[in-house]
Amino acid sequence: MTRTSGGSAPLTRATEAAIREGIISGRYAPGARLRERELSEELGVSRLPVREALRNLRHDGFIMTSAHKGATVRTMSADDVDELFDLRTRLEPFAAERAARRYAEGDVHEGLTAAMEATAEATESGSLEHIMTANADFHASVVEAAGHGLLSELMAPILSRSRWLFAMTAFRDPHLEFQAHHEIYHAISHGNDRLARLTMAAHIEAGRGPSLLAVGADAAVDDGRAAPPPREPRTG
């Protein structure tokens, strides 16, 4: 399945972004049906860009479709979380390592510095929404700083789903998150590629357990039962 392109792409992208943000924020809850007519009325667009946006969101793993229910918001499982972290712990450390090498060669990425500053400001503000956005932007900026086109393309849906998980794990201490990001930034900006890779890998792996806990708690709420104990984070 390929993503939508064509003349309506700008409107499709805007519609897709609006629906994605609704999923991430929880306005469209896991398992909720996404009806084209209702979304069209809510977003003030025709049904065509809504249909194209839903197709793209299915491609990126945010929704599922079936003959009986149509489009529904995906319920992220523990296996989904593990698979996401399996990729993140391999790809993002590579991005950090490559970014550090570029810094060592004098290729400074101003966007990464701006993202680090925004993370500091958001953490100081205490706004969960701003913290979530800034943290997600920091990870995206590390990928951009790597200057690797194919990596950026591969990471786009992964980073989007990571933002979804960031929203689910808003209970994590933002100051510890900021400290981890600062250590990653320090390693990259000083051109220490090995430290950048190892620090990023440790930071991402530290998020696996809380993410599994959040997914387990959400599943328990949906089923009307007590949350199961969190699975032990994997280190592979």
Protein backbone atom coordinates (compact mmCIF):
# COMPACT_ATOMS: atom_id res chain seq x y z
CA MET A 1 0.00 0.00 0.00
CA THR A 2 1.36 3.44 -0.94
CA ARG A 3 0.59 6.84 0.47
CA THR A 4 -1.74 9.22 -1.36
CA SER A 5 -0.32 11.74 -3.78
CA GLY A 6 -1.79 14.00 -6.41
CA GLY A 7 -3.54 17.34 -6.77
CA SER A 8 -5.37 17.15 -3.46
CA ALA A 9 -2.20 16.32 -1.51
CA PRO A 10 -1.93 19.63 0.47
CA LEU A 11 -5.53 19.33 1.67
CA THR A 12 -5.06 15.62 2.32
CA ARG A 13 -1.96 16.32 4.41
CA ALA A 14 -3.80 18.95 6.47
CA THR A 15 -6.74 16.60 6.99
CA GLU A 16 -4.41 13.73 7.86
CA ALA A 17 -2.54 15.89 10.37
CA ALA A 18 -5.79 16.94 12.05
CA ILE A 19 -7.02 13.36 12.41
CA ARG A 20 -3.60 12.16 13.57
CA GLU A 21 -3.45 14.85 16.24
CA GLY A 22 -6.95 13.84 17.34
CA ILE A 23 -5.76 10.25 17.77
CA ILE A 24 -2.59 11.25 19.62
CA SER A 25 -4.46 13.61 21.94
CA GLY A 26 -7.08 10.98 22.71
CA ARG A 27 -9.99 12.84 21.14
CA TYR A 28 -10.42 9.78 18.93
CA ALA A 29 -9.96 6.95 21.41
CA PRO A 30 -8.56 3.49 20.58
CA GLY A 31 -11.30 1.43 18.98
CA ALA A 32 -13.38 4.49 18.04
CA ARG A 33 -14.99 4.44 14.60
CA LEU A 34 -13.87 7.14 12.17
CA ARG A 35 -16.74 7.86 9.80
CA GLU A 36 -15.96 9.82 6.66
CA ARG A 37 -19.16 11.88 6.81
CA GLU A 38 -18.67 12.92 10.43
CA LEU A 39 -15.00 13.76 9.92
CA SER A 40 -15.85 15.73 6.79
CA GLU A 41 -18.36 17.84 8.72
CA GLU A 42 -16.06 18.26 11.73
CA LEU A 43 -13.03 19.31 9.69
CA GLY A 44 -14.91 21.33 7.07
CA VAL A 45 -13.59 19.42 4.06
CA SER A 46 -15.09 17.13 1.46
CA ARG A 47 -15.09 13.39 1.93
CA LEU A 48 -12.34 12.82 -0.67
CA PRO A 49 -9.44 14.24 1.41
CA VAL A 50 -10.85 12.47 4.46
CA ARG A 51 -10.85 9.18 2.57
CA GLU A 52 -7.28 9.76 1.37
CA ALA A 53 -6.15 10.81 4.87
CA LEU A 54 -7.63 7.66 6.40
CA ARG A 55 -5.82 5.57 3.79
CA ASN A 56 -2.53 7.22 4.73
CA LEU A 57 -3.17 6.82 8.45
CA ARG A 58 -3.83 3.14 7.90
CA HIS A 59 -0.51 2.93 6.06
CA ASP A 60 1.21 4.56 9.06
CA GLY A 61 -0.46 2.22 11.56
CA PHE A 62 -2.83 4.65 13.29
CA ILE A 63 -6.08 3.08 12.13
CA MET A 64 -7.46 -0.27 11.03
CA THR A 65 -10.21 -0.99 8.53
CA SER A 66 -12.69 -3.83 8.26
CA ALA A 67 -15.68 -4.62 6.09
CA HIS A 68 -18.06 -4.43 9.07
CA LYS A 69 -16.78 -1.41 11.03
CA GLY A 70 -14.96 0.61 8.41
CA ALA A 71 -12.10 2.68 9.85
CA THR A 72 -11.35 2.49 13.58
CA VAL A 73 -8.54 3.87 15.70
CA ARG A 74 -5.94 1.21 16.30
CA THR A 75 -5.49 -0.16 19.81
CA MET A 76 -1.76 -0.38 20.39
CA SER A 77 -0.77 -3.74 21.87
CA ALA A 78 2.28 -4.73 23.88
CA ASP A 79 3.66 -6.45 20.78
CA ASP A 80 3.17 -3.22 18.81
CA VAL A 81 5.14 -1.33 21.46
CA ASP A 82 7.93 -3.90 21.48
CA GLU A 83 8.22 -3.81 17.70
CA LEU A 84 8.31 -0.01 17.72
CA PHE A 85 11.06 0.03 20.32
CA ASP A 86 12.98 -2.71 18.51
CA LEU A 87 13.26 -0.38 15.52
CA ARG A 88 13.83 2.78 17.52
CA THR A 89 16.71 1.26 19.50
CA ARG A 90 18.43 0.44 16.21
CA LEU A 91 17.63 3.41 14.00
CA GLU A 92 17.73 6.40 16.36
CA PRO A 93 21.17 5.57 17.83
CA PHE A 94 22.43 5.41 14.24
CA ALA A 95 20.89 8.84 13.63
CA ALA A 96 22.57 10.27 16.74
CA GLU A 97 25.92 8.72 15.79
CA ARG A 98 25.74 10.09 12.25
CA ALA A 99 24.65 13.53 13.50
CA ALA A 100 27.66 13.62 15.86
CA ARG A 101 29.99 12.78 12.99
CA ARG A 102 28.54 15.62 10.95
CA TYR A 103 29.05 17.99 13.88
CA ALA A 104 32.65 16.82 14.18
CA GLU A 105 33.07 17.79 10.52
CA GLY A 106 31.64 21.25 11.20
CA ASP A 107 28.16 20.55 9.79
CA VAL A 108 26.10 22.06 12.62
CA HIS A 109 22.33 21.58 12.51
CA GLU A 110 20.70 24.70 13.96
CA GLY A 111 17.35 22.97 14.21
CA LEU A 112 18.73 20.56 16.82
CA THR A 113 19.91 23.44 19.00
CA ALA A 114 16.51 25.10 18.68
CA ALA A 115 14.81 21.83 19.60
CA MET A 116 17.00 21.46 22.68
CA GLU A 117 16.16 25.01 23.77
CA ALA A 118 12.45 24.38 23.21
CA THR A 119 12.68 21.23 25.34
CA ALA A 120 14.26 23.23 28.17
CA GLU A 121 11.55 25.91 27.97
CA ALA A 122 8.74 23.35 27.86
CA THR A 123 10.13 21.46 30.85
CA GLU A 124 10.40 24.70 32.80
CA SER A 125 6.81 25.63 31.90
CA GLY A 126 5.43 22.34 33.22
CA SER A 127 2.89 22.16 30.37
CA LEU A 128 2.40 18.49 29.48
CA GLU A 129 1.27 19.39 25.97
CA HIS A 130 4.34 21.55 25.33
CA ILE A 131 6.64 18.96 26.89
CA MET A 132 5.25 16.18 24.70
CA THR A 133 5.58 18.29 21.55
CA ALA A 134 9.09 19.50 22.40
CA ASN A 135 10.33 16.00 23.24
CA ALA A 136 8.94 14.63 19.98
CA ASP A 137 10.51 17.50 18.04
CA PHE A 138 13.88 16.81 19.66
CA HIS A 139 13.90 13.22 18.44
CA ALA A 140 12.80 14.35 14.97
CA SER A 141 15.59 16.94 14.93
CA VAL A 142 18.23 14.31 15.72
CA VAL A 143 17.05 12.38 12.67
CA GLU A 144 17.17 15.55 10.57
CA ALA A 145 20.67 16.33 11.87
CA ALA A 146 21.83 12.93 10.61
CA GLY A 147 21.35 14.18 7.06
CA HIS A 148 20.30 10.77 5.75
CA GLY A 149 17.40 10.91 3.31
CA LEU A 150 16.34 7.27 3.44
CA LEU A 151 16.56 7.23 7.24
CA SER A 152 14.31 10.28 7.43
CA GLU A 153 11.80 8.57 5.15
CA LEU A 154 11.85 5.36 7.20
CA MET A 155 11.61 7.23 10.50
CA ALA A 156 8.60 9.40 9.59
CA PRO A 157 5.88 6.88 10.57
CA ILE A 158 8.00 5.61 13.48
CA LEU A 159 8.33 9.11 14.92
CA SER A 160 4.62 9.69 14.47
CA ARG A 161 3.75 6.57 16.46
CA SER A 162 6.38 7.53 19.03
CA ARG A 163 4.53 10.80 19.58
CA TRP A 164 1.43 8.72 20.27
CA LEU A 165 3.35 6.82 22.93
CA PHE A 166 4.75 10.07 24.38
CA ALA A 167 1.15 11.13 25.01
CA MET A 168 0.41 7.80 26.73
CA THR A 169 3.47 8.13 29.00
CA ALA A 170 2.97 11.72 30.11
CA PHE A 171 3.37 10.46 33.70
CA ARG A 172 7.14 10.15 33.23
CA ASP A 173 9.30 12.72 35.03
CA PRO A 174 9.90 15.49 32.46
CA HIS A 175 13.08 16.60 34.21
CA LEU A 176 14.63 13.16 33.77
CA GLU A 177 13.56 13.20 30.13
CA PHE A 178 15.15 16.61 29.69
CA GLN A 179 18.38 15.45 31.32
CA ALA A 180 18.57 12.48 28.94
CA HIS A 181 17.98 14.73 25.94
CA HIS A 182 20.62 17.16 27.18
CA GLU A 183 23.17 14.33 27.42
CA ILE A 184 22.35 13.20 23.89
CA TYR A 185 22.61 16.78 22.60
CA HIS A 186 25.92 17.31 24.42
CA ALA A 187 27.40 14.17 22.85
CA ILE A 188 26.21 15.12 19.36
CA SER A 189 27.22 18.77 19.56
CA HIS A 190 30.70 17.77 20.77
CA GLY A 191 31.11 15.32 17.90
CA ASN A 192 31.34 12.25 20.13
CA ASP A 193 29.66 9.75 17.83
CA ARG A 194 30.13 6.67 20.04
CA LEU A 195 28.73 8.39 23.14
CA ALA A 196 25.85 9.82 21.11
CA ARG A 197 24.90 6.35 19.89
CA LEU A 198 25.13 4.72 23.31
CA THR A 199 23.31 7.54 25.12
CA MET A 200 20.46 7.55 22.62
CA ALA A 201 20.15 3.76 22.80
CA ALA A 202 19.96 3.82 26.61
CA HIS A 203 17.43 6.64 26.58
CA ILE A 204 15.08 4.89 24.18
CA GLU A 205 15.34 1.55 25.95
CA ALA A 206 14.46 3.26 29.24
CA GLY A 207 11.12 4.20 27.69
CA ARG A 208 10.12 0.66 26.75
CA GLY A 209 8.94 -0.38 30.22
CA PRO A 210 6.79 2.71 30.89
CA SER A 211 5.27 2.40 27.41
CA LEU A 212 4.36 -1.25 27.99
CA LEU A 213 2.86 -0.22 31.33
CA ALA A 214 0.77 2.50 29.66
CA VAL A 215 -0.51 0.16 26.97
CA GLY A 216 -1.36 -2.48 29.58
CA ALA A 217 -3.25 0.08 31.67
CA ASP A 218 -5.22 1.30 28.66
CA ALA A 219 -6.15 -2.27 27.72
CA ALA A 220 -7.30 -2.93 31.27
CA VAL A 221 -9.53 0.14 31.22
CA ASP A 222 -11.02 -0.89 27.88
CA ASP A 223 -11.75 -4.38 29.21
CA GLY A 224 -13.01 -3.21 32.58
CA ARG A 225 -10.41 -5.15 34.52
CA ALA A 226 -7.38 -4.38 36.67
CA ALA A 227 -4.17 -3.49 34.86
CA PRO A 228 -1.68 -6.36 34.56
CA PRO A 229 1.83 -5.94 35.95
CA PRO A 230 4.17 -4.36 33.39
CA ARG A 231 6.32 -6.64 31.30
CA GLU A 232 10.04 -6.53 31.91
CA PRO A 233 11.75 -4.26 29.35
CA ARG A 234 13.66 -6.17 26.72
CA THR A 235 17.30 -5.36 26.18
CA GLY A 236 17.85 -7.00 22.82
